[in-house]
C-alpha atoms as a PDB file:
ATOM      1  CA  MET A   1      74.891 120.015  98.335  1.00  0.00           C
ATOM      2  CA  ASN A   2      76.160 123.274  96.646  1.00  0.00           C
ATOM      3  CA  GLU A   3      77.874 122.389  93.232  1.00  0.00           C
ATOM      4  CA  LYS A   4      80.681 124.884  93.881  1.00  0.00           C
ATOM      5  CA  ILE A   5      81.554 123.142  97.181  1.00  0.00           C
ATOM      6  CA  ILE A   6      81.598 119.806  95.454  1.00  0.00           C
ATOM      7  CA  ASN A   7      83.826 121.098  92.543  1.00  0.00           C
ATOM      8  CA  TYR A   8      86.197 122.467  95.050  1.00  0.00           C
ATOM      9  CA  ILE A   9      86.709 119.498  96.905  1.00  0.00           C
ATOM     10  CA  LYS A  10      86.491 116.996  94.166  1.00  0.00           C
ATOM     11  CA  GLY A  11      89.644 115.182  93.685  1.00  0.00           C
ATOM     12  CA  LYS A  12      91.379 116.326  96.835  1.00  0.00           C
ATOM     13  CA  ASP A  13      92.147 113.711  99.421  1.00  0.00           C
ATOM     14  CA  ALA A  14      89.809 113.027 102.523  1.00  0.00           C
ATOM     15  CA  LEU A  15      92.097 114.877 105.047  1.00  0.00           C
ATOM     16  CA  GLN A  16      92.418 117.886 102.953  1.00  0.00           C
ATOM     17  CA  SER A  17      88.652 118.030 102.028  1.00  0.00           C
ATOM     18  CA  TYR A  18      87.575 117.371 105.697  1.00  0.00           C
ATOM     19  CA  SER A  19      89.967 120.070 106.809  1.00  0.00           C
ATOM     20  CA  GLU A  20      88.974 122.581 104.468  1.00  0.00           C
ATOM     21  CA  LEU A  21      85.070 121.921 104.916  1.00  0.00           C
ATOM     22  CA  VAL A  22      85.462 122.514 108.772  1.00  0.00           C
ATOM     23  CA  ASP A  23      88.419 125.073 109.217  1.00  0.00           C
ATOM     24  CA  LEU A  24      87.658 127.157 105.937  1.00  0.00           C
ATOM     25  CA  MET A  25      83.979 126.663 105.318  1.00  0.00           C
ATOM     26  CA  GLY A  26      82.532 126.418 108.765  1.00  0.00           C
ATOM     27  CA  PHE A  27      80.731 123.024 108.545  1.00  0.00           C
ATOM     28  CA  SER A  28      80.799 120.849 111.709  1.00  0.00           C
ATOM     29  CA  GLU A  29      82.830 117.816 111.904  1.00  0.00           C
ATOM     30  CA  GLU A  30      79.669 115.746 111.538  1.00  0.00           C
ATOM     31  CA  GLU A  31      78.417 117.588 108.477  1.00  0.00           C
ATOM     32  CA  ALA A  32      81.858 117.454 106.735  1.00  0.00           C
ATOM     33  CA  SER A  33      82.093 113.628 107.303  1.00  0.00           C
ATOM     34  CA  ASP A  34      78.344 113.208 106.033  1.00  0.00           C
ATOM     35  CA  ILE A  35      79.126 115.370 102.936  1.00  0.00           C
ATOM     36  CA  LEU A  36      82.340 113.465 102.087  1.00  0.00           C
ATOM     37  CA  GLY A  37      81.005 109.862 103.130  1.00  0.00           C
ATOM     38  CA  VAL A  38      83.999 109.138 105.483  1.00  0.00           C
ATOM     39  CA  LYS A  39      84.177 107.690 109.035  1.00  0.00           C
ATOM     40  CA  THR A  40      85.673 109.687 111.802  1.00  0.00           C
ATOM     41  CA  PHE A  41      86.391 109.075 115.540  1.00  0.00           C
ATOM     42  CA  LYS A  42      82.591 109.527 116.226  1.00  0.00           C
ATOM     43  CA  ASP A  43      81.840 106.478 114.130  1.00  0.00           C
ATOM     44  CA  LEU A  44      83.986 104.188 116.202  1.00  0.00           C
ATOM     45  CA  LYS A  45      82.086 101.685 118.216  1.00  0.00           C
ATOM     46  CA  PHE A  46      83.896 101.033 121.639  1.00  0.00           C
ATOM     47  CA  LYS A  47      83.723  97.867 123.353  1.00  0.00           C
ATOM     48  CA  PRO A  48      85.368  96.492 126.449  1.00  0.00           C
ATOM     49  CA  HIS A  49      88.841  95.172 125.436  1.00  0.00           C
ATOM     50  CA  HIS A  50      88.808  91.341 125.210  1.00  0.00           C
ATOM     51  CA  VAL A  51      92.068  90.859 126.916  1.00  0.00           C
ATOM     52  CA  VAL A  52      92.980  94.114 128.853  1.00  0.00           C
ATOM     53  CA  PRO A  53      90.756  94.671 131.970  1.00  0.00           C
ATOM     54  CA  ASN A  54      89.418  98.284 131.977  1.00  0.00           C
ATOM     55  CA  GLY A  55      90.390  98.682 128.505  1.00  0.00           C
ATOM     56  CA  VAL A  56      88.324  99.798 125.344  1.00  0.00           C
ATOM     57  CA  ALA A  57      88.778  98.670 121.843  1.00  0.00           C
ATOM     58  CA  ALA A  58      87.333  99.579 118.513  1.00  0.00           C
ATOM     59  CA  VAL A  59      88.132  98.176 115.224  1.00  0.00           C
ATOM     60  CA  GLU A  60      87.358  99.594 111.721  1.00  0.00           C
ATOM     61  CA  TYR A  61      88.146  98.292 108.391  1.00  0.00           C
ATOM     62  CA  PHE A  62      89.040 100.526 105.335  1.00  0.00           C
ATOM     63  CA  PRO A  63      89.172  99.006 101.887  1.00  0.00           C
ATOM     64  CA  LEU A  64      92.781  98.817 100.481  1.00  0.00           C
ATOM     65  CA  GLU A  65      93.177 101.455  97.948  1.00  0.00           C
ATOM     66  CA  ASP A  66      95.595 102.149  95.087  1.00  0.00           C
ATOM     67  CA  LYS A  67      97.473 104.452  97.511  1.00  0.00           C
ATOM     68  CA  GLY A  68      98.449 101.508  99.487  1.00  0.00           C
ATOM     69  CA  GLU A  69      96.405 102.497 102.537  1.00  0.00           C
ATOM     70  CA  GLY A  70      93.688 100.478 104.387  1.00  0.00           C
ATOM     71  CA  GLY A  71      93.099  97.398 105.912  1.00  0.00           C
ATOM     72  CA  TRP A  72      92.077  97.133 109.522  1.00  0.00           C
ATOM     73  CA  PHE A  73      92.191 100.048 111.977  1.00  0.00           C
ATOM     74  CA  SER A  74      92.430  99.350 115.642  1.00  0.00           C
ATOM     75  CA  VAL A  75      91.854 101.845 118.426  1.00  0.00           C
ATOM     76  CA  VAL A  76      92.565 100.990 121.961  1.00  0.00           C
ATOM     77  CA  GLY A  77      92.964 102.836 125.483  1.00  0.00           C
ATOM     78  CA  GLY A  78      92.635 102.471 129.108  1.00  0.00           C
ATOM     79  CA  GLY A  79      93.658  99.524 131.151  1.00  0.00           C
ATOM     80  CA  THR A  80      97.327  98.478 132.107  1.00  0.00           C
ATOM     81  CA  GLY A  81      99.689  98.336 129.030  1.00  0.00           C
ATOM     82  CA  LEU A  82      97.754 100.336 126.520  1.00  0.00           C
ATOM     83  CA  TYR A  83      99.290 103.736 125.294  1.00  0.00           C
ATOM     84  CA  GLY A  84      96.189 105.952 126.121  1.00  0.00           C
ATOM     85  CA  ASP A  85      93.575 106.330 128.769  1.00  0.00           C
ATOM     86  CA  GLY A  86      90.608 105.266 126.589  1.00  0.00           C
ATOM     87  CA  ILE A  87      88.836 108.667 127.380  1.00  0.00           C
ATOM     88  CA  SER A  88      90.912 111.394 125.741  1.00  0.00           C
ATOM     89  CA  THR A  89      93.852 109.652 124.478  1.00  0.00           C
ATOM     90  CA  PHE A  90      94.248 106.427 122.338  1.00  0.00           C
ATOM     91  CA  GLU A  91      96.595 103.850 120.728  1.00  0.00           C
ATOM     92  CA  VAL A  92      96.278 103.227 117.053  1.00  0.00           C
ATOM     93  CA  PHE A  93      97.546 100.345 115.274  1.00  0.00           C
ATOM     94  CA  VAL A  94      97.035  99.937 111.584  1.00  0.00           C
ATOM     95  CA  GLU A  95      97.460  96.764 109.275  1.00  0.00           C
ATOM     96  CA  GLY A  96     100.945  96.923 107.944  1.00  0.00           C
ATOM     97  CA  MET A  97     102.561  99.035 110.844  1.00  0.00           C
ATOM     98  CA  ASP A  98     105.491  97.990 112.769  1.00  0.00           C
ATOM     99  CA  ASN A  99     104.649 100.126 115.867  1.00  0.00           C
ATOM    100  CA  PRO A 100     101.387 101.650 117.173  1.00  0.00           C
ATOM    101  CA  PHE A 101     100.801 105.492 117.239  1.00  0.00           C
ATOM    102  CA  THR A 102     100.434 106.353 120.979  1.00  0.00           C
ATOM    103  CA  TYR A 103      98.573 108.834 123.040  1.00  0.00           C
ATOM    104  CA  LEU A 104      96.593 110.239 120.233  1.00  0.00           C
ATOM    105  CA  SER A 105      93.691 112.742 120.720  1.00  0.00           C
ATOM    106  CA  LYS A 106      90.322 111.882 119.211  1.00  0.00           C
ATOM    107  CA  ASP A 107      91.278 114.777 116.530  1.00  0.00           C
ATOM    108  CA  GLN A 108      94.470 112.857 115.808  1.00  0.00           C
ATOM    109  CA  VAL A 109      92.564 109.434 115.527  1.00  0.00           C
ATOM    110  CA  THR A 110      90.286 110.991 113.029  1.00  0.00           C
ATOM    111  CA  LYS A 111      93.124 112.516 110.945  1.00  0.00           C
ATOM    112  CA  GLU A 112      94.586 108.917 110.853  1.00  0.00           C
ATOM    113  CA  MET A 113      91.443 107.505 109.800  1.00  0.00           C
ATOM    114  CA  LEU A 114      90.917 110.088 106.977  1.00  0.00           C
ATOM    115  CA  VAL A 115      94.338 109.273 105.491  1.00  0.00           C
ATOM    116  CA  ARG A 116      93.091 105.814 105.000  1.00  0.00           C
ATOM    117  CA  GLN A 117      89.974 106.715 103.225  1.00  0.00           C
ATOM    118  CA  LYS A 118      88.741 108.091  99.910  1.00  0.00           C
ATOM    119  CA  THR A 119      85.789 110.428  99.790  1.00  0.00           C
ATOM    120  CA  LYS A 120      82.886 109.862  97.506  1.00  0.00           C
ATOM    121  CA  TYR A 121      84.185 112.915  95.471  1.00  0.00           C
ATOM    122  CA  GLU A 122      87.905 111.579  94.864  1.00  0.00           C
ATOM    123  CA  LEU A 123      88.488 110.520  91.231  1.00  0.00           C
END
């Protein structure tokens, strides 16, 4: 990895670093997540929802950090009663939340995931 790019993103949070790598520097989303060592929507492993017929669910865990974020991160969709179709929109519920985020796009789910992670370059 280019030393100038590493120095540029060092110390920035995951969301800002990811956005700058993709939007300003032209890296693909997959390249950006690999560079930063973070997980995005593409890393979620969806399985049939264990309670809601025709629903899908994925759970990820992010270590609790000093910034007060982290814990389990649930993404569901499809099926009756879920706030998202499970294909292009999803419901996100995170440990410590009172109410879920509803009808989020895949990009919005990625942004919520990034808020809860640190890159391998953060101090």
